[in-house]
Amino acid sequence: MPNTVFSSRRVRRGNDAKGASALHQDLAEQIVMIAVKENMPSGAHLAEEGLAKRLRVSRSPVRSALKRLQERGIVEARTNRGFYLVEDGAALARRIQVKPESGADSIYDRILRDYVQGELSETVNESHLLARYEVGASELRTALLRLAEHGILSRSRGKGWHFEPGLATPEALEQSYRFRILVECGGLLEPSFRPDPQAFSRIRDAHTLFLDRLGENSAAEFFAINSDFHLTLAECSNNAFIQRAVENQNRLRKLHEFVSFPSLSIDRMKLSCTEHLEIIKALEDWDNDHASNLMKSHLSGSRRMYISV
């Protein structure tokens, strides 16, 4: 997401401290996006345990991320009670829209775009990237760590990094969508599938808010509600292998789709959100066969659109 409410300052305490700082910064950004997506009310309790489970980390880094948000006036700490949101999600979304994005997020996007367009080689080193993007070392390292977390980059020996092979080809995108159709449509038909009314309500609210602000939204917001929708349905399958597969696909989607999202038309974003809500409605009606067919149509349409971009 555009990192619009965070400072890019880093404390120089060695490589481990820098890595931890980048993690806390990334978690802080994810917590803000959760508040925006769910349109949380002012004063909402940000429970450490719940966030840790949702973000798949321990409570300690979540606590550090919340302290960062406290320093920036986004949350407040109440003695022996935890952390609470200062502004509601809608106000925070407006705040995100008007602030500039950070260097780390800008570099993240530029590296992705340059790689997909063939302007970066399969192996890159930090000195070359520093010169190319004219950015601070800490901001570049944060972007590289985030790309590595998303399965796009891996460390090479020495100071180099290499892109995972075969991810940026049209063939890979085609295969990815065919795989998603198999896994996600099948996940809706699992005998263990159980609708989650609270999660479905959250998704509906996030999509409604997005549609109400259609034309004002960022590419990152669109990517976030898409990722959350698909991962939530995978979680409802109660099949750990389906969930892990969708988690991995969500990460890899950044390489192709996140770069293309800014060029999407308003009509396409509206259609995507509408199709998501139709799938949710079918699942709430316990018509999983219909939901699976809707999902196949949805993913097939997205496949045709992205491959033609």
C-alpha atoms as a PDB file:
ATOM      1  CA  MET A   1       0.000   0.000   0.000  1.00  0.00           C
ATOM      2  CA  PRO A   2       1.172   3.554  -0.459  1.00  0.00           C
ATOM      3  CA  ASN A   3       3.022   4.231   2.756  1.00  0.00           C
ATOM      4  CA  THR A   4       1.427   7.571   3.442  1.00  0.00           C
ATOM      5  CA  VAL A   5       1.308   7.981   7.194  1.00  0.00           C
ATOM      6  CA  PHE A   6       4.694   6.632   8.199  1.00  0.00           C
ATOM      7  CA  SER A   7       8.097   8.212   8.625  1.00  0.00           C
ATOM      8  CA  SER A   8      10.985   6.660   6.724  1.00  0.00           C
ATOM      9  CA  ARG A   9      13.462   7.216   9.576  1.00  0.00           C
ATOM     10  CA  ARG A  10      15.499   4.213  10.692  1.00  0.00           C
ATOM     11  CA  VAL A  11      17.660   3.655  13.758  1.00  0.00           C
ATOM     12  CA  ARG A  12      21.101   2.344  12.849  1.00  0.00           C
ATOM     13  CA  ARG A  13      21.748  -0.542  15.193  1.00  0.00           C
ATOM     14  CA  GLY A  14      23.160  -3.201  12.903  1.00  0.00           C
ATOM     15  CA  ASN A  15      21.651  -5.495  10.321  1.00  0.00           C
ATOM     16  CA  ASP A  16      19.403  -7.409  12.747  1.00  0.00           C
ATOM     17  CA  ALA A  17      17.949  -4.197  14.142  1.00  0.00           C
ATOM     18  CA  LYS A  18      17.361  -2.887  10.629  1.00  0.00           C
ATOM     19  CA  GLY A  19      15.587  -6.094   9.668  1.00  0.00           C
ATOM     20  CA  ALA A  20      13.393  -5.925  12.766  1.00  0.00           C
ATOM     21  CA  SER A  21      12.656  -2.263  12.084  1.00  0.00           C
ATOM     22  CA  ALA A  22      11.551  -3.074   8.539  1.00  0.00           C
ATOM     23  CA  LEU A  23       9.279  -5.837   9.848  1.00  0.00           C
ATOM     24  CA  HIS A  24       7.674  -3.530  12.412  1.00  0.00           C
ATOM     25  CA  GLN A  25       7.167  -0.875   9.756  1.00  0.00           C
ATOM     26  CA  ASP A  26       5.536  -3.366   7.409  1.00  0.00           C
ATOM     27  CA  LEU A  27       3.265  -4.683  10.166  1.00  0.00           C
ATOM     28  CA  ALA A  28       2.267  -1.119  11.065  1.00  0.00           C
ATOM     29  CA  GLU A  29       1.256  -0.529   7.457  1.00  0.00           C
ATOM     30  CA  GLN A  30      -0.767  -3.745   7.393  1.00  0.00           C
ATOM     31  CA  ILE A  31      -2.580  -2.781  10.597  1.00  0.00           C
ATOM     32  CA  VAL A  32      -3.520   0.578   9.070  1.00  0.00           C
ATOM     33  CA  MET A  33      -4.820  -1.153   5.948  1.00  0.00           C
ATOM     34  CA  ILE A  34      -6.938  -3.505   8.079  1.00  0.00           C
ATOM     35  CA  ALA A  35      -8.477  -0.490   9.837  1.00  0.00           C
ATOM     36  CA  VAL A  36      -9.225   1.136   6.479  1.00  0.00           C
ATOM     37  CA  LYS A  37     -10.588  -2.008   4.793  1.00  0.00           C
ATOM     38  CA  GLU A  38     -12.904  -2.780   7.692  1.00  0.00           C
ATOM     39  CA  ASN A  39     -13.833   0.867   8.253  1.00  0.00           C
ATOM     40  CA  MET A  40     -13.151   0.444  11.966  1.00  0.00           C
ATOM     41  CA  PRO A  41     -14.794   3.006  14.244  1.00  0.00           C
ATOM     42  CA  SER A  42     -12.854   5.509  16.295  1.00  0.00           C
ATOM     43  CA  GLY A  43     -11.917   3.875  19.591  1.00  0.00           C
ATOM     44  CA  ALA A  44     -11.820   0.339  18.153  1.00  0.00           C
ATOM     45  CA  HIS A  45      -9.659  -1.999  20.231  1.00  0.00           C
ATOM     46  CA  LEU A  46      -6.648  -3.318  18.308  1.00  0.00           C
ATOM     47  CA  ALA A  47      -6.094  -6.555  20.179  1.00  0.00           C
ATOM     48  CA  GLU A  48      -2.504  -7.782  19.944  1.00  0.00           C
ATOM     49  CA  GLU A  49      -3.429 -11.450  20.002  1.00  0.00           C
ATOM     50  CA  GLY A  50      -5.994 -11.118  17.227  1.00  0.00           C
ATOM     51  CA  LEU A  51      -3.660  -9.078  15.042  1.00  0.00           C
ATOM     52  CA  ALA A  52      -0.796 -11.499  15.648  1.00  0.00           C
ATOM     53  CA  LYS A  53      -2.949 -14.415  14.516  1.00  0.00           C
ATOM     54  CA  ARG A  54      -4.219 -12.531  11.494  1.00  0.00           C
ATOM     55  CA  LEU A  55      -0.771 -11.305  10.430  1.00  0.00           C
ATOM     56  CA  ARG A  56       0.827 -14.675  11.266  1.00  0.00           C
ATOM     57  CA  VAL A  57       3.513 -13.319  13.571  1.00  0.00           C
ATOM     58  CA  SER A  58       4.111 -13.353  17.317  1.00  0.00           C
ATOM     59  CA  ARG A  59       2.649 -10.698  19.604  1.00  0.00           C
ATOM     60  CA  SER A  60       5.998  -8.990  20.210  1.00  0.00           C
ATOM     61  CA  PRO A  61       6.451  -7.478  16.715  1.00  0.00           C
ATOM     62  CA  VAL A  62       2.753  -6.545  16.647  1.00  0.00           C
ATOM     63  CA  ARG A  63       3.250  -4.628  19.909  1.00  0.00           C
ATOM     64  CA  SER A  64       6.242  -2.822  18.403  1.00  0.00           C
ATOM     65  CA  ALA A  65       4.206  -1.956  15.305  1.00  0.00           C
ATOM     66  CA  LEU A  66       1.388  -0.580  17.459  1.00  0.00           C
ATOM     67  CA  LYS A  67       3.881   1.564  19.360  1.00  0.00           C
ATOM     68  CA  ARG A  68       5.022   3.011  16.033  1.00  0.00           C
ATOM     69  CA  LEU A  69       1.431   3.883  15.239  1.00  0.00           C
ATOM     70  CA  GLN A  70       1.074   5.428  18.694  1.00  0.00           C
ATOM     71  CA  GLU A  71       4.068   7.679  18.001  1.00  0.00           C
ATOM     72  CA  ARG A  72       2.330   8.901  14.863  1.00  0.00           C
ATOM     73  CA  GLY A  73      -0.985   9.570  16.588  1.00  0.00           C
ATOM     74  CA  ILE A  74      -2.857   6.806  14.771  1.00  0.00           C
ATOM     75  CA  VAL A  75      -3.526   4.710  17.888  1.00  0.00           C
ATOM     76  CA  GLU A  76      -3.511   5.457  21.589  1.00  0.00           C
ATOM     77  CA  ALA A  77      -2.342   3.223  24.428  1.00  0.00           C
ATOM     78  CA  ARG A  78      -4.613   2.856  27.452  1.00  0.00           C
ATOM     79  CA  THR A  79      -3.036   1.632  30.660  1.00  0.00           C
ATOM     80  CA  ASN A  80      -3.525  -2.115  31.160  1.00  0.00           C
ATOM     81  CA  ARG A  81      -6.075  -2.148  28.338  1.00  0.00           C
ATOM     82  CA  GLY A  82      -4.050  -2.136  25.120  1.00  0.00           C
ATOM     83  CA  PHE A  83      -4.154  -0.020  21.974  1.00  0.00           C
ATOM     84  CA  TYR A  84      -7.136   1.766  20.452  1.00  0.00           C
ATOM     85  CA  LEU A  85      -7.724   3.450  17.087  1.00  0.00           C
ATOM     86  CA  VAL A  86      -7.824   7.250  17.274  1.00  0.00           C
ATOM     87  CA  GLU A  87      -9.595   7.893  13.942  1.00  0.00           C
ATOM     88  CA  ASP A  88     -12.194   5.767  12.222  1.00  0.00           C
ATOM     89  CA  GLY A  89     -11.292   3.856   9.072  1.00  0.00           C
ATOM     90  CA  ALA A  90     -12.910   6.368   6.707  1.00  0.00           C
ATOM     91  CA  ALA A  91     -10.979   9.290   8.221  1.00  0.00           C
ATOM     92  CA  LEU A  92      -7.781   7.265   8.097  1.00  0.00           C
ATOM     93  CA  ALA A  93      -8.445   6.427   4.432  1.00  0.00           C
ATOM     94  CA  ARG A  94      -8.762  10.139   3.638  1.00  0.00           C
ATOM     95  CA  ARG A  95      -5.562  10.771   5.533  1.00  0.00           C
ATOM     96  CA  ILE A  96      -3.807   8.124   3.462  1.00  0.00           C
ATOM     97  CA  GLN A  97      -5.029   9.696   0.243  1.00  0.00           C
ATOM     98  CA  VAL A  98      -3.561  13.132   0.925  1.00  0.00           C
ATOM     99  CA  LYS A  99      -0.141  12.217   2.274  1.00  0.00           C
ATOM    100  CA  PRO A 100       2.879  11.419   0.048  1.00  0.00           C
ATOM    101  CA  GLU A 101       4.027   7.837  -0.287  1.00  0.00           C
ATOM    102  CA  SER A 102       7.310   6.840   1.282  1.00  0.00           C
ATOM    103  CA  GLY A 103      10.521   6.131  -0.572  1.00  0.00           C
ATOM    104  CA  ALA A 104      10.405   2.440   0.356  1.00  0.00           C
ATOM    105  CA  ASP A 105       6.955   1.920  -1.176  1.00  0.00           C
ATOM    106  CA  SER A 106       7.812   3.948  -4.251  1.00  0.00           C
ATOM    107  CA  ILE A 107      10.967   1.892  -4.807  1.00  0.00           C
ATOM    108  CA  TYR A 108       9.051  -1.357  -4.244  1.00  0.00           C
ATOM    109  CA  ASP A 109       6.664  -0.437  -7.060  1.00  0.00           C
ATOM    110  CA  ARG A 110       9.413   0.820  -9.363  1.00  0.00           C
ATOM    111  CA  ILE A 111      11.496  -2.335  -8.937  1.00  0.00           C
ATOM    112  CA  LEU A 112       8.482  -4.483  -9.774  1.00  0.00           C
ATOM    113  CA  ARG A 113       7.583  -2.380 -12.783  1.00  0.00           C
ATOM    114  CA  ASP A 114      11.138  -2.194 -14.096  1.00  0.00           C
ATOM    115  CA  TYR A 115      11.636  -5.934 -13.736  1.00  0.00           C
ATOM    116  CA  VAL A 116       8.377  -6.821 -15.501  1.00  0.00           C
ATOM    117  CA  GLN A 117       9.303  -4.392 -18.317  1.00  0.00           C
ATOM    118  CA  GLY A 118      12.715  -6.031 -18.713  1.00  0.00           C
ATOM    119  CA  GLU A 119      14.748  -3.087 -17.429  1.00  0.00           C
ATOM    120  CA  LEU A 120      16.361  -5.053 -14.597  1.00  0.00           C
ATOM    121  CA  SER A 121      18.435  -8.208 -14.941  1.00  0.00           C
ATOM    122  CA  GLU A 122      17.646 -11.423 -13.100  1.00  0.00           C
ATOM    123  CA  THR A 123      20.377 -10.607 -10.547  1.00  0.00           C
ATOM    124  CA  VAL A 124      20.829  -7.137  -9.048  1.00  0.00           C
ATOM    125  CA  ASN A 125      23.021  -5.654  -6.345  1.00  0.00           C
ATOM    126  CA  GLU A 126      22.210  -2.938  -3.857  1.00  0.00           C
ATOM    127  CA  SER A 127      24.864  -0.486  -5.064  1.00  0.00           C
ATOM    128  CA  HIS A 128      23.393  -0.569  -8.580  1.00  0.00           C
ATOM    129  CA  LEU A 129      19.853  -0.087  -7.257  1.00  0.00           C
ATOM    130  CA  LEU A 130      20.938   2.779  -4.986  1.00  0.00           C
ATOM    131  CA  ALA A 131      22.437   4.585  -7.962  1.00  0.00           C
ATOM    132  CA  ARG A 132      19.487   3.800 -10.248  1.00  0.00           C
ATOM    133  CA  TYR A 133      16.737   4.952  -7.911  1.00  0.00           C
ATOM    134  CA  GLU A 134      18.652   7.610  -5.945  1.00  0.00           C
ATOM    135  CA  VAL A 135      17.164   6.474  -2.646  1.00  0.00           C
ATOM    136  CA  GLY A 136      18.514   5.998   0.874  1.00  0.00           C
ATOM    137  CA  ALA A 137      20.032   2.649   1.825  1.00  0.00           C
ATOM    138  CA  SER A 138      17.460   2.010   4.561  1.00  0.00           C
ATOM    139  CA  GLU A 139      14.533   2.654   2.221  1.00  0.00           C
ATOM    140  CA  LEU A 140      15.995   0.362  -0.422  1.00  0.00           C
ATOM    141  CA  ARG A 141      16.629  -2.377   2.135  1.00  0.00           C
ATOM    142  CA  THR A 142      13.037  -2.122   3.376  1.00  0.00           C
ATOM    143  CA  ALA A 143      11.730  -2.504  -0.187  1.00  0.00           C
ATOM    144  CA  LEU A 144      14.030  -5.463  -0.883  1.00  0.00           C
ATOM    145  CA  LEU A 145      13.025  -7.238   2.317  1.00  0.00           C
ATOM    146  CA  ARG A 146       9.368  -6.792   1.435  1.00  0.00           C
ATOM    147  CA  LEU A 147       9.943  -8.210  -2.054  1.00  0.00           C
ATOM    148  CA  ALA A 148      11.746 -11.168  -0.485  1.00  0.00           C
ATOM    149  CA  GLU A 149       8.867 -11.718   1.951  1.00  0.00           C
ATOM    150  CA  HIS A 150       6.467 -11.834  -1.006  1.00  0.00           C
ATOM    151  CA  GLY A 151       8.513 -14.535  -2.727  1.00  0.00           C
ATOM    152  CA  ILE A 152       9.701 -12.313  -5.573  1.00  0.00           C
ATOM    153  CA  LEU A 153      13.342 -11.808  -4.596  1.00  0.00           C
ATOM    154  CA  SER A 154      15.918 -13.986  -2.841  1.00  0.00           C
ATOM    155  CA  ARG A 155      19.352 -13.151  -1.503  1.00  0.00           C
ATOM    156  CA  SER A 156      22.343 -14.175  -3.584  1.00  0.00           C
ATOM    157  CA  ARG A 157      25.776 -14.743  -2.160  1.00  0.00           C
ATOM    158  CA  GLY A 158      27.404 -11.496  -1.127  1.00  0.00           C
ATOM    159  CA  LYS A 159      25.334  -8.336  -1.520  1.00  0.00           C
ATOM    160  CA  GLY A 160      23.290  -9.440  -4.505  1.00  0.00           C
ATOM    161  CA  TRP A 161      19.636 -10.329  -4.933  1.00  0.00           C
ATOM    162  CA  HIS A 162      17.995 -12.424  -7.626  1.00  0.00           C
ATOM    163  CA  PHE A 163      14.456 -12.580  -8.915  1.00  0.00           C
ATOM    164  CA  GLU A 164      12.774 -15.944  -8.656  1.00  0.00           C
ATOM    165  CA  PRO A 165      12.894 -17.498 -12.144  1.00  0.00           C
ATOM    166  CA  GLY A 166       9.890 -17.762 -14.436  1.00  0.00           C
ATOM    167  CA  LEU A 167       7.575 -15.429 -12.523  1.00  0.00           C
ATOM    168  CA  ALA A 168       7.252 -12.573 -15.013  1.00  0.00           C
ATOM    169  CA  THR A 169       6.322 -14.480 -18.164  1.00  0.00           C
ATOM    170  CA  PRO A 170       2.852 -14.585 -19.781  1.00  0.00           C
ATOM    171  CA  GLU A 171       3.033 -18.374 -19.481  1.00  0.00           C
ATOM    172  CA  ALA A 172       3.531 -18.099 -15.725  1.00  0.00           C
ATOM    173  CA  LEU A 173       0.531 -15.775 -15.389  1.00  0.00           C
ATOM    174  CA  GLU A 174      -1.617 -18.135 -17.450  1.00  0.00           C
ATOM    175  CA  GLN A 175      -0.557 -21.099 -15.328  1.00  0.00           C
ATOM    176  CA  SER A 176      -1.156 -19.132 -12.144  1.00  0.00           C
ATOM    177  CA  TYR A 177      -4.757 -18.384 -13.086  1.00  0.00           C
ATOM    178  CA  ARG A 178      -5.436 -21.963 -14.163  1.00  0.00           C
ATOM    179  CA  PHE A 179      -4.037 -23.136 -10.827  1.00  0.00           C
ATOM    180  CA  ARG A 180      -6.176 -20.630  -8.938  1.00  0.00           C
ATOM    181  CA  ILE A 181      -9.309 -21.793 -10.754  1.00  0.00           C
ATOM    182  CA  LEU A 182      -8.580 -25.374  -9.691  1.00  0.00           C
ATOM    183  CA  VAL A 183      -7.776 -24.523  -6.078  1.00  0.00           C
ATOM    184  CA  GLU A 184     -10.183 -21.691  -5.269  1.00  0.00           C
ATOM    185  CA  CYS A 185     -13.233 -23.138  -7.003  1.00  0.00           C
ATOM    186  CA  GLY A 186     -12.503 -26.512  -5.431  1.00  0.00           C
ATOM    187  CA  GLY A 187     -12.051 -24.910  -2.029  1.00  0.00           C
ATOM    188  CA  LEU A 188     -15.644 -23.663  -2.078  1.00  0.00           C
ATOM    189  CA  LEU A 189     -16.809 -27.270  -2.582  1.00  0.00           C
ATOM    190  CA  GLU A 190     -14.777 -28.767   0.260  1.00  0.00           C
ATOM    191  CA  PRO A 191     -16.929 -30.768   2.729  1.00  0.00           C
ATOM    192  CA  SER A 192     -15.210 -28.815   5.500  1.00  0.00           C
ATOM    193  CA  PHE A 193     -16.187 -25.409   4.068  1.00  0.00           C
ATOM    194  CA  ARG A 194     -17.975 -23.246   6.633  1.00  0.00           C
ATOM    195  CA  PRO A 195     -19.186 -19.686   5.975  1.00  0.00           C
ATOM    196  CA  ASP A 196     -17.844 -17.050   8.380  1.00  0.00           C
ATOM    197  CA  PRO A 197     -20.646 -14.470   8.891  1.00  0.00           C
ATOM    198  CA  GLN A 198     -18.355 -12.000  10.656  1.00  0.00           C
ATOM    199  CA  ALA A 199     -15.712 -12.195   7.927  1.00  0.00           C
ATOM    200  CA  PHE A 200     -18.348 -11.957   5.187  1.00  0.00           C
ATOM    201  CA  SER A 201     -19.782  -8.852   6.841  1.00  0.00           C
ATOM    202  CA  ARG A 202     -16.282  -7.364   6.973  1.00  0.00           C
ATOM    203  CA  ILE A 203     -15.750  -8.079   3.281  1.00  0.00           C
ATOM    204  CA  ARG A 204     -19.116  -6.595   2.329  1.00  0.00           C
ATOM    205  CA  ASP A 205     -18.414  -3.416   4.314  1.00  0.00           C
ATOM    206  CA  ALA A 206     -14.946  -3.046   2.771  1.00  0.00           C
ATOM    207  CA  HIS A 207     -16.296  -3.526  -0.749  1.00  0.00           C
ATOM    208  CA  THR A 208     -19.198  -1.147  -0.144  1.00  0.00           C
ATOM    209  CA  LEU A 209     -16.805   1.509   1.134  1.00  0.00           C
ATOM    210  CA  PHE A 210     -14.573   0.967  -1.888  1.00  0.00           C
ATOM    211  CA  LEU A 211     -17.508   1.281  -4.301  1.00  0.00           C
ATOM    212  CA  ASP A 212     -18.740   4.426  -2.533  1.00  0.00           C
ATOM    213  CA  ARG A 213     -15.318   5.980  -3.132  1.00  0.00           C
ATOM    214  CA  LEU A 214     -14.873   4.583  -6.627  1.00  0.00           C
ATOM    215  CA  GLY A 215     -12.500   6.787  -8.563  1.00  0.00           C
ATOM    216  CA  GLU A 216     -10.784   8.031  -5.405  1.00  0.00           C
ATOM    217  CA  ASN A 217      -9.272   4.682  -4.426  1.00  0.00           C
ATOM    218  CA  SER A 218      -5.648   3.681  -4.741  1.00  0.00           C
ATOM    219  CA  ALA A 219      -4.335   0.627  -6.571  1.00  0.00           C
ATOM    220  CA  ALA A 220      -3.087  -0.729  -3.247  1.00  0.00           C
ATOM    221  CA  GLU A 221      -6.583  -0.555  -1.737  1.00  0.00           C
ATOM    222  CA  PHE A 222      -7.991  -2.500  -4.671  1.00  0.00           C
ATOM    223  CA  PHE A 223      -5.277  -5.113  -4.360  1.00  0.00           C
ATOM    224  CA  ALA A 224      -5.871  -5.350  -0.592  1.00  0.00           C
ATOM    225  CA  ILE A 225      -9.608  -6.014  -0.747  1.00  0.00           C
ATOM    226  CA  ASN A 226      -9.042  -8.540  -3.559  1.00  0.00           C
ATOM    227  CA  SER A 227      -6.393 -10.402  -1.590  1.00  0.00           C
ATOM    228  CA  ASP A 228      -8.489 -10.375   1.573  1.00  0.00           C
ATOM    229  CA  PHE A 229     -11.537 -11.715  -0.280  1.00  0.00           C
ATOM    230  CA  HIS A 230      -9.719 -14.665  -1.828  1.00  0.00           C
ATOM    231  CA  LEU A 231      -7.761 -15.538   1.312  1.00  0.00           C
ATOM    232  CA  THR A 232     -10.854 -15.379   3.528  1.00  0.00           C
ATOM    233  CA  LEU A 233     -12.706 -17.879   1.333  1.00  0.00           C
ATOM    234  CA  ALA A 234      -9.649 -20.138   1.384  1.00  0.00           C
ATOM    235  CA  GLU A 235      -9.655 -19.973   5.186  1.00  0.00           C
ATOM    236  CA  CYS A 236     -13.350 -20.890   5.210  1.00  0.00           C
ATOM    237  CA  SER A 237     -12.486 -24.133   3.381  1.00  0.00           C
ATOM    238  CA  ASN A 238     -10.757 -25.272   6.589  1.00  0.00           C
ATOM    239  CA  ASN A 239      -8.190 -26.982   4.383  1.00  0.00           C
ATOM    240  CA  ALA A 240      -4.688 -25.868   5.345  1.00  0.00           C
ATOM    241  CA  PHE A 241      -3.244 -26.787   1.934  1.00  0.00           C
ATOM    242  CA  ILE A 242      -5.789 -24.664   0.065  1.00  0.00           C
ATOM    243  CA  GLN A 243      -5.158 -21.776   2.435  1.00  0.00           C
ATOM    244  CA  ARG A 244      -1.385 -21.964   1.964  1.00  0.00           C
ATOM    245  CA  ALA A 245      -1.757 -22.177  -1.814  1.00  0.00           C
ATOM    246  CA  VAL A 246      -3.913 -19.033  -1.922  1.00  0.00           C
ATOM    247  CA  GLU A 247      -1.550 -17.209   0.435  1.00  0.00           C
ATOM    248  CA  ASN A 248       1.311 -17.984  -1.938  1.00  0.00           C
ATOM    249  CA  GLN A 249      -0.676 -16.924  -4.993  1.00  0.00           C
ATOM    250  CA  ASN A 250      -1.611 -13.637  -3.312  1.00  0.00           C
ATOM    251  CA  ARG A 251       2.085 -12.907  -2.883  1.00  0.00           C
ATOM    252  CA  LEU A 252       2.954 -13.808  -6.462  1.00  0.00           C
ATOM    253  CA  ARG A 253       0.054 -11.756  -7.825  1.00  0.00           C
ATOM    254  CA  LYS A 254       1.927  -8.636  -6.824  1.00  0.00           C
ATOM    255  CA  LEU A 255       4.470  -9.286  -9.540  1.00  0.00           C
ATOM    256  CA  HIS A 256       1.874  -9.190 -12.334  1.00  0.00           C
ATOM    257  CA  GLU A 257      -1.317  -7.616 -11.130  1.00  0.00           C
ATOM    258  CA  PHE A 258      -0.180  -4.968  -8.657  1.00  0.00           C
ATOM    259  CA  VAL A 259       1.870  -3.397 -11.453  1.00  0.00           C
ATOM    260  CA  SER A 260      -1.204  -3.443 -13.733  1.00  0.00           C
ATOM    261  CA  PHE A 261      -3.800  -2.258 -11.195  1.00  0.00           C
ATOM    262  CA  PRO A 262      -3.206   1.481 -11.815  1.00  0.00           C
ATOM    263  CA  SER A 263      -4.242   0.993 -15.457  1.00  0.00           C
ATOM    264  CA  LEU A 264      -7.526  -0.732 -14.568  1.00  0.00           C
ATOM    265  CA  SER A 265     -10.698   1.071 -15.563  1.00  0.00           C
ATOM    266  CA  ILE A 266     -13.282   2.093 -13.001  1.00  0.00           C
ATOM    267  CA  ASP A 267     -15.769  -0.213 -14.713  1.00  0.00           C
ATOM    268  CA  ARG A 268     -13.411  -3.181 -14.275  1.00  0.00           C
ATOM    269  CA  MET A 269     -12.903  -2.459 -10.570  1.00  0.00           C
ATOM    270  CA  LYS A 270     -16.655  -2.089 -10.106  1.00  0.00           C
ATOM    271  CA  LEU A 271     -17.298  -5.395 -11.888  1.00  0.00           C
ATOM    272  CA  SER A 272     -14.706  -7.194  -9.757  1.00  0.00           C
ATOM    273  CA  CYS A 273     -16.238  -5.928  -6.519  1.00  0.00           C
ATOM    274  CA  THR A 274     -19.750  -6.787  -7.704  1.00  0.00           C
ATOM    275  CA  GLU A 275     -18.679 -10.339  -8.576  1.00  0.00           C
ATOM    276  CA  HIS A 276     -17.074 -10.748  -5.159  1.00  0.00           C
ATOM    277  CA  LEU A 277     -20.312  -9.723  -3.451  1.00  0.00           C
ATOM    278  CA  GLU A 278     -22.334 -12.133  -5.619  1.00  0.00           C
ATOM    279  CA  ILE A 279     -20.054 -14.989  -4.535  1.00  0.00           C
ATOM    280  CA  ILE A 280     -20.444 -14.018  -0.878  1.00  0.00           C
ATOM    281  CA  LYS A 281     -24.250 -13.933  -1.280  1.00  0.00           C
ATOM    282  CA  ALA A 282     -24.280 -17.424  -2.801  1.00  0.00           C
ATOM    283  CA  LEU A 283     -22.168 -18.760   0.067  1.00  0.00           C
ATOM    284  CA  GLU A 284     -24.443 -17.144   2.643  1.00  0.00           C
ATOM    285  CA  ASP A 285     -27.332 -18.942   0.914  1.00  0.00           C
ATOM    286  CA  TRP A 286     -25.357 -22.214   1.228  1.00  0.00           C
ATOM    287  CA  ASP A 287     -25.330 -22.542  -2.561  1.00  0.00           C
ATOM    288  CA  ASN A 288     -21.678 -23.505  -2.869  1.00  0.00           C
ATOM    289  CA  ASP A 289     -22.090 -25.022  -6.329  1.00  0.00           C
ATOM    290  CA  HIS A 290     -23.323 -21.691  -7.656  1.00  0.00           C
ATOM    291  CA  ALA A 291     -20.583 -19.849  -5.760  1.00  0.00           C
ATOM    292  CA  SER A 292     -17.959 -22.127  -7.312  1.00  0.00           C
ATOM    293  CA  ASN A 293     -19.313 -21.445 -10.806  1.00  0.00           C
ATOM    294  CA  LEU A 294     -19.317 -17.702 -10.101  1.00  0.00           C
ATOM    295  CA  MET A 295     -15.718 -17.936  -8.887  1.00  0.00           C
ATOM    296  CA  LYS A 296     -14.654 -19.750 -12.065  1.00  0.00           C
ATOM    297  CA  SER A 297     -16.277 -17.060 -14.199  1.00  0.00           C
ATOM    298  CA  HIS A 298     -14.683 -14.321 -12.073  1.00  0.00           C
ATOM    299  CA  LEU A 299     -11.164 -15.747 -12.275  1.00  0.00           C
ATOM    300  CA  SER A 300     -11.517 -16.547 -15.983  1.00  0.00           C
ATOM    301  CA  GLY A 301     -12.518 -12.951 -16.685  1.00  0.00           C
ATOM    302  CA  SER A 302      -9.581 -11.636 -14.669  1.00  0.00           C
ATOM    303  CA  ARG A 303      -7.223 -14.006 -16.486  1.00  0.00           C
ATOM    304  CA  ARG A 304      -8.349 -12.738 -19.890  1.00  0.00           C
ATOM    305  CA  MET A 305      -8.082  -9.129 -18.786  1.00  0.00           C
ATOM    306  CA  TYR A 306      -4.615  -9.347 -17.215  1.00  0.00           C
ATOM    307  CA  ILE A 307      -3.077 -11.433 -19.950  1.00  0.00           C
ATOM    308  CA  SER A 308      -4.278  -8.865 -22.496  1.00  0.00           C
ATOM    309  CA  VAL A 309      -2.852  -5.897 -20.517  1.00  0.00           C
END
